[in-house]
Amino acid sequence: MSSKRNEPYAAIKKPVDLLFGSSITQPDTKTNPANTVPITQIKLPLSQPRRYFDEQKLEELSRSIKELGILEPLLVRPLVGEEYELVAGERRFRAAQLALLTEVPVIIREMDDITTSKVQLVENLQREDLNPVEETEGILELLSIELSISKNEVISVLNSAANAKKRNLDLTENVFRQLETIETILSAIGRFSAESFRVSRIPLLNLPADVLETLRQGQIEYTKARAIARLQDEETRKQLLEDAIAYNLSLSEIKRKIKEIEQQTKSETPSLKDKADDTFRRFKKSQVWDDPKKKAKVEKLLAQLDELMQDDNHL
């Protein structure tokens, strides 16, 4: 019976093969497909798609590794000398370090930089605990590499396609080809179409920095984060964000609190009439009468107000 444990990297094999026509998951006749190497010889890549690791889950995996060992080899590529760069399996690598292992099982593959980046991103996108920010950033990075354009240009392609469809216009040949590639990759990943990715995921990258970071760390759900992001006042937003996490507020509870905050803010905002009354009250007590330049401006403003009131009388 086949299982993830006895088929190393089965989770990423299909996406990699579909996306890139790669055979990196197949045995390499030039190297031993099952090796054990000192953990100190494995180096992390300079650029890593995964940024956040749950410390509690790492501790749990570390305890499991102490008891059972690493059940799935790490995927590495050889560097100069006897060192290797980690390609896939960073969570297991970090847990093995916590477990104080001196050696780890690896699969060694020769890969260029572009292929390495693709595999790292695809493996990251297959994680069960992937949060929406990491997912969105990972997909954009993958599309950027495959299309050889920047992430902002990927977003531009998606927006251009959407605008053309809305206006019933034909796509340029270049945008059409790029959109085809995007659809193929997203289909292989199996989560989005180009349009659903544009609508449901791209906007979250514009969330306020505090909300975005909390979402990236997996401390709050996307729907809750998006609701809280509506609050413009930074301190108010920060407090609600902290409360939502500390008390595990539901989405309906968060929306109710936001409504209360907005109503309170509205009631605290003075009306235009109140503002005018306050301004004239302070105006009468001011010293503008003694300053010729200010007095001239006051006369001009009073004339404009008088004109407005005359216009109002004619309505």
Protein backbone atom coordinates (compact mmCIF):
# COMPACT_ATOMS: atom_id res chain seq x y z
CA MET A 1 0.00 0.00 0.00
CA SER A 2 1.43 3.34 -1.07
CA SER A 3 1.66 6.21 1.39
CA LYS A 4 3.28 9.61 1.72
CA ARG A 5 5.80 8.13 4.13
CA ASN A 6 7.15 5.50 1.78
CA GLU A 7 6.96 7.74 -1.33
CA PRO A 8 9.23 10.69 -0.51
CA TYR A 9 7.98 13.93 -2.08
CA ALA A 10 4.91 12.27 -3.58
CA ALA A 11 3.03 15.44 -2.66
CA ILE A 12 5.20 17.58 -4.92
CA LYS A 13 5.94 15.07 -7.67
CA LYS A 14 2.79 15.64 -9.69
CA PRO A 15 2.83 19.46 -9.53
CA VAL A 16 6.51 19.60 -10.45
CA ASP A 17 6.08 17.23 -13.40
CA LEU A 18 2.94 19.03 -14.60
CA LEU A 19 4.44 22.49 -14.30
CA PHE A 20 7.95 22.00 -15.51
CA GLY A 21 8.19 18.60 -17.17
CA SER A 22 10.85 17.87 -14.58
CA SER A 23 12.29 14.47 -13.74
CA ILE A 24 14.00 15.59 -10.55
CA THR A 25 11.90 13.24 -8.47
CA GLN A 26 13.16 10.25 -10.44
CA PRO A 27 16.30 8.34 -9.35
CA ASP A 28 19.53 9.82 -10.59
CA THR A 29 21.79 7.10 -11.95
CA LYS A 30 24.87 9.22 -11.21
CA THR A 31 24.17 9.51 -7.49
CA ASN A 32 22.84 7.28 -4.79
CA PRO A 33 19.13 8.18 -4.37
CA ALA A 34 19.26 7.38 -0.64
CA ASN A 35 22.11 8.93 1.35
CA THR A 36 22.83 9.93 4.91
CA VAL A 37 24.92 13.04 5.40
CA PRO A 38 26.05 15.09 8.44
CA ILE A 39 23.43 17.76 9.18
CA THR A 40 26.20 20.36 9.46
CA GLN A 41 26.97 19.89 5.75
CA ILE A 42 23.47 21.07 4.75
CA LYS A 43 23.06 24.80 4.17
CA LEU A 44 19.83 26.75 3.92
CA PRO A 45 19.33 28.72 0.68
CA LEU A 46 19.81 32.48 0.84
CA SER A 47 16.27 33.05 -0.42
CA GLN A 48 13.57 30.87 1.12
CA PRO A 49 9.86 30.88 0.17
CA ARG A 50 8.76 29.93 3.68
CA ARG A 51 9.10 32.68 6.29
CA TYR A 52 7.13 31.54 9.32
CA PHE A 53 7.31 28.32 11.33
CA ASP A 54 5.00 27.48 14.22
CA GLU A 55 7.37 26.82 17.12
CA GLN A 56 4.97 24.48 18.89
CA LYS A 57 4.53 22.32 15.79
CA LEU A 58 8.30 22.26 15.28
CA GLU A 59 8.71 21.00 18.85
CA GLU A 60 6.11 18.28 18.20
CA LEU A 61 7.87 17.18 15.02
CA SER A 62 11.20 17.24 16.84
CA ARG A 63 9.88 14.85 19.48
CA SER A 64 8.55 12.55 16.75
CA ILE A 65 11.93 12.59 14.98
CA LYS A 66 13.69 11.70 18.23
CA GLU A 67 11.45 8.67 18.53
CA LEU A 68 11.05 7.53 14.93
CA GLY A 69 13.73 9.36 12.96
CA ILE A 70 13.12 11.30 9.72
CA LEU A 71 10.65 9.25 7.68
CA GLU A 72 10.98 11.33 4.50
CA PRO A 73 14.48 12.24 3.23
CA LEU A 74 15.37 15.86 2.66
CA LEU A 75 15.87 16.95 -0.93
CA VAL A 76 19.26 18.63 -1.47
CA ARG A 77 21.56 19.64 -4.29
CA PRO A 78 25.36 19.41 -4.14
CA LEU A 79 27.48 22.50 -3.60
CA VAL A 80 31.23 22.94 -3.95
CA GLY A 81 33.13 20.56 -1.69
CA GLU A 82 31.14 18.24 0.53
CA GLU A 83 28.30 20.64 1.31
CA TYR A 84 24.70 20.59 0.12
CA GLU A 85 21.94 23.18 -0.25
CA LEU A 86 18.53 22.30 1.10
CA VAL A 87 15.89 22.30 -1.65
CA ALA A 88 12.86 20.81 0.10
CA GLY A 89 12.09 19.76 3.66
CA GLU A 90 13.06 22.82 5.69
CA ARG A 91 10.57 22.07 8.46
CA ARG A 92 12.04 18.58 8.92
CA PHE A 93 15.54 20.03 8.76
CA ARG A 94 14.80 22.55 11.55
CA ALA A 95 13.09 19.88 13.65
CA ALA A 96 16.08 17.57 13.18
CA GLN A 97 18.33 20.35 14.46
CA LEU A 98 16.09 20.71 17.52
CA ALA A 99 16.28 16.96 18.01
CA LEU A 100 20.11 17.27 17.93
CA LEU A 101 20.50 14.77 15.09
CA THR A 102 24.01 14.59 13.70
CA GLU A 103 23.04 12.92 10.40
CA VAL A 104 19.94 13.05 8.21
CA PRO A 105 18.69 11.05 5.21
CA VAL A 106 18.77 12.97 1.92
CA ILE A 107 18.01 12.61 -1.76
CA ILE A 108 20.72 14.33 -3.79
CA ARG A 109 19.80 15.91 -7.14
CA GLU A 110 21.70 18.14 -9.56
CA MET A 111 19.54 21.26 -10.14
CA ASP A 112 20.12 24.72 -11.54
CA ASP A 113 19.00 27.82 -9.63
CA ILE A 114 15.73 28.28 -11.50
CA THR A 115 14.63 24.66 -11.08
CA THR A 116 15.61 24.80 -7.40
CA SER A 117 13.47 27.89 -6.84
CA LYS A 118 10.52 26.28 -8.60
CA VAL A 119 10.71 23.10 -6.55
CA GLN A 120 11.03 25.06 -3.29
CA LEU A 121 7.96 27.11 -4.17
CA VAL A 122 5.89 24.14 -5.31
CA GLU A 123 6.73 22.17 -2.18
CA ASN A 124 5.82 25.16 -0.05
CA LEU A 125 2.46 25.47 -1.83
CA GLN A 126 1.60 21.85 -0.98
CA ARG A 127 1.75 22.43 2.79
CA GLU A 128 -1.42 21.80 4.78
CA ASP A 129 -0.73 24.72 7.14
CA LEU A 130 -0.10 27.23 4.36
CA ASN A 131 -1.64 30.60 5.19
CA PRO A 132 -3.18 32.88 2.51
CA VAL A 133 -0.29 35.37 2.50
CA GLU A 134 2.38 32.72 1.96
CA GLU A 135 0.15 31.07 -0.62
CA THR A 136 -0.35 34.29 -2.57
CA GLU A 137 3.30 35.33 -2.40
CA GLY A 138 4.43 31.83 -3.37
CA ILE A 139 2.13 31.63 -6.38
CA LEU A 140 3.15 35.09 -7.57
CA GLU A 141 6.83 34.17 -7.23
CA LEU A 142 6.25 30.94 -9.14
CA LEU A 143 4.42 32.77 -11.94
CA SER A 144 7.11 35.45 -11.99
CA ILE A 145 9.87 32.86 -12.49
CA GLU A 146 7.98 30.91 -15.13
CA LEU A 147 7.02 34.00 -17.14
CA SER A 148 10.38 35.77 -16.59
CA ILE A 149 8.64 38.95 -15.46
CA SER A 150 8.29 40.75 -12.11
CA LYS A 151 5.48 39.97 -9.66
CA ASN A 152 3.96 43.39 -10.33
CA GLU A 153 3.94 42.57 -14.04
CA VAL A 154 2.14 39.29 -13.29
CA ILE A 155 -0.55 41.29 -11.49
CA SER A 156 -0.68 43.67 -14.45
CA VAL A 157 -1.29 40.74 -16.83
CA LEU A 158 -4.16 39.50 -14.65
CA ASN A 159 -5.70 42.99 -14.48
CA SER A 160 -5.30 43.53 -18.24
CA ALA A 161 -7.07 40.25 -18.97
CA ALA A 162 -9.91 41.11 -16.59
CA ASN A 163 -10.34 44.60 -18.07
CA ALA A 164 -10.33 43.24 -21.62
CA LYS A 165 -13.03 40.70 -20.73
CA LYS A 166 -15.13 43.36 -19.00
CA ARG A 167 -14.97 45.65 -22.04
CA ASN A 168 -15.33 42.78 -24.52
CA LEU A 169 -11.93 43.54 -26.07
CA ASP A 170 -9.40 41.15 -27.59
CA LEU A 171 -6.21 40.40 -25.66
CA THR A 172 -2.85 41.19 -27.21
CA GLU A 173 -0.97 38.10 -28.34
CA ASN A 174 1.62 38.51 -25.58
CA VAL A 175 -0.97 38.86 -22.78
CA PHE A 176 -2.91 35.92 -24.23
CA ARG A 177 0.17 33.66 -24.10
CA GLN A 178 1.05 34.81 -20.59
CA LEU A 179 -2.51 34.24 -19.40
CA GLU A 180 -2.44 30.72 -20.85
CA THR A 181 0.73 29.95 -18.89
CA ILE A 182 -0.81 31.38 -15.71
CA GLU A 183 -3.95 29.26 -16.12
CA THR A 184 -1.85 26.12 -16.72
CA ILE A 185 0.22 26.65 -13.57
CA LEU A 186 -2.77 27.49 -11.40
CA SER A 187 -4.62 24.46 -12.74
CA ALA A 188 -1.66 22.22 -11.83
CA ILE A 189 -1.55 23.69 -8.33
CA GLY A 190 -5.28 23.06 -8.16
CA ARG A 191 -6.52 26.04 -6.13
CA PHE A 192 -7.48 28.92 -8.41
CA SER A 193 -8.30 30.14 -11.86
CA ALA A 194 -6.51 33.29 -13.00
CA GLU A 195 -9.56 35.43 -12.24
CA SER A 196 -10.35 33.90 -8.83
CA PHE A 197 -6.70 34.34 -7.82
CA ARG A 198 -6.81 37.98 -8.92
CA VAL A 199 -10.05 38.72 -7.08
CA SER A 200 -9.63 36.68 -3.89
CA ARG A 201 -5.90 36.77 -3.25
CA ILE A 202 -4.16 39.79 -4.81
CA PRO A 203 -6.09 42.33 -2.68
CA LEU A 204 -4.79 40.86 0.59
CA LEU A 205 -1.28 42.09 -0.27
CA ASN A 206 -2.64 45.62 0.12
CA LEU A 207 -3.79 45.03 3.70
CA PRO A 208 -2.26 47.27 6.41
CA ALA A 209 1.19 46.04 7.48
CA ASP A 210 0.10 45.03 11.01
CA VAL A 211 -2.83 42.97 9.70
CA LEU A 212 -0.71 41.42 6.94
CA GLU A 213 2.02 40.30 9.35
CA THR A 214 -0.50 38.74 11.73
CA LEU A 215 -2.07 36.90 8.83
CA ARG A 216 1.34 35.77 7.58
CA GLN A 217 2.10 34.24 11.00
CA GLY A 218 -1.13 32.28 10.89
CA GLN A 219 -2.55 33.98 13.98
CA ILE A 220 -5.85 34.93 12.37
CA GLU A 221 -8.05 33.79 9.47
CA TYR A 222 -8.12 35.70 6.20
CA THR A 223 -11.82 36.68 6.44
CA LYS A 224 -11.29 38.11 9.93
CA ALA A 225 -8.14 39.97 8.91
CA ARG A 226 -9.88 41.50 5.90
CA ALA A 227 -12.76 42.73 8.09
CA ILE A 228 -10.42 44.29 10.68
CA ALA A 229 -8.43 45.99 7.91
CA ARG A 230 -11.46 48.21 7.27
CA LEU A 231 -10.61 50.25 10.36
CA GLN A 232 -8.57 53.28 9.35
CA ASP A 233 -7.35 54.32 12.79
CA GLU A 234 -4.13 52.38 13.46
CA GLU A 235 -4.47 52.19 17.25
CA THR A 236 -8.12 51.10 17.10
CA ARG A 237 -7.27 48.49 14.47
CA LYS A 238 -4.33 47.19 16.50
CA GLN A 239 -6.47 46.82 19.61
CA LEU A 240 -9.22 44.92 17.79
CA LEU A 241 -6.59 42.72 16.14
CA GLU A 242 -5.13 41.84 19.54
CA ASP A 243 -8.59 41.17 21.00
CA ALA A 244 -9.58 38.99 18.04
CA ILE A 245 -6.51 36.80 18.56
CA ALA A 246 -6.58 36.74 22.38
CA TYR A 247 -10.26 35.90 22.66
CA ASN A 248 -10.63 33.98 19.38
CA LEU A 249 -13.46 36.26 18.29
CA SER A 250 -15.73 34.93 15.56
CA LEU A 251 -16.17 36.83 12.30
CA SER A 252 -19.67 37.94 13.35
CA GLU A 253 -18.31 39.22 16.69
CA ILE A 254 -15.58 41.15 14.89
CA LYS A 255 -18.09 42.72 12.50
CA ARG A 256 -20.32 43.69 15.43
CA LYS A 257 -17.39 45.37 17.21
CA ILE A 258 -16.41 47.20 14.01
CA LYS A 259 -19.97 48.48 13.66
CA GLU A 260 -19.92 49.70 17.27
CA ILE A 261 -16.59 51.46 16.70
CA GLU A 262 -17.84 53.12 13.52
CA GLN A 263 -21.05 54.30 15.21
CA GLN A 264 -19.09 55.67 18.16
CA THR A 265 -16.68 57.47 15.85
CA LYS A 266 -19.58 58.93 13.89
CA SER A 267 -21.30 60.20 17.05
CA GLU A 268 -18.04 61.77 18.21
CA THR A 269 -17.53 63.59 14.93
CA PRO A 270 -18.99 67.13 15.18
CA SER A 271 -21.52 68.21 12.59
CA LEU A 272 -20.75 71.00 10.13
CA LYS A 273 -23.04 73.35 12.10
CA ASP A 274 -21.16 72.54 15.32
CA LYS A 275 -17.88 73.21 13.57
CA ALA A 276 -19.18 76.56 12.28
CA ASP A 277 -20.44 77.59 15.72
CA ASP A 278 -17.12 76.69 17.30
CA THR A 279 -15.15 78.52 14.62
CA PHE A 280 -17.15 81.75 15.00
CA ARG A 281 -16.96 81.52 18.77
CA ARG A 282 -13.15 81.33 18.62
CA PHE A 283 -13.09 83.92 15.84
CA LYS A 284 -14.78 86.53 18.03
CA LYS A 285 -12.18 86.03 20.75
CA SER A 286 -9.18 86.10 18.42
CA GLN A 287 -6.84 89.01 17.68
CA VAL A 288 -7.23 88.96 13.89
CA TRP A 289 -8.84 92.41 14.05
CA ASP A 290 -5.52 93.94 15.03
CA ASP A 291 -3.60 92.50 12.05
CA PRO A 292 -4.28 94.41 8.78
CA LYS A 293 -3.32 91.46 6.55
CA LYS A 294 -5.51 89.02 8.49
CA LYS A 295 -8.31 91.59 8.62
CA ALA A 296 -8.29 91.82 4.81
CA LYS A 297 -8.57 88.01 4.53
CA VAL A 298 -11.43 88.03 7.05
CA GLU A 299 -13.30 90.61 5.01
CA LYS A 300 -12.87 88.48 1.89
CA LEU A 301 -14.10 85.33 3.65
CA LEU A 302 -17.10 87.18 5.12
CA ALA A 303 -18.00 88.45 1.67
CA GLN A 304 -17.87 84.88 0.32
CA LEU A 305 -20.08 83.65 3.16
CA ASP A 306 -22.53 86.46 2.55
CA GLU A 307 -22.65 85.52 -1.13
CA LEU A 308 -23.34 81.88 -0.24
CA MET A 309 -26.23 82.90 2.00
CA GLN A 310 -27.66 85.13 -0.72
CA ASP A 311 -27.51 82.22 -3.17
CA ASP A 312 -29.29 80.07 -0.58
CA ASN A 313 -32.08 82.68 -0.24
CA HIS A 314 -32.75 82.51 -3.99
CA LEU A 315 -33.28 78.71 -3.90
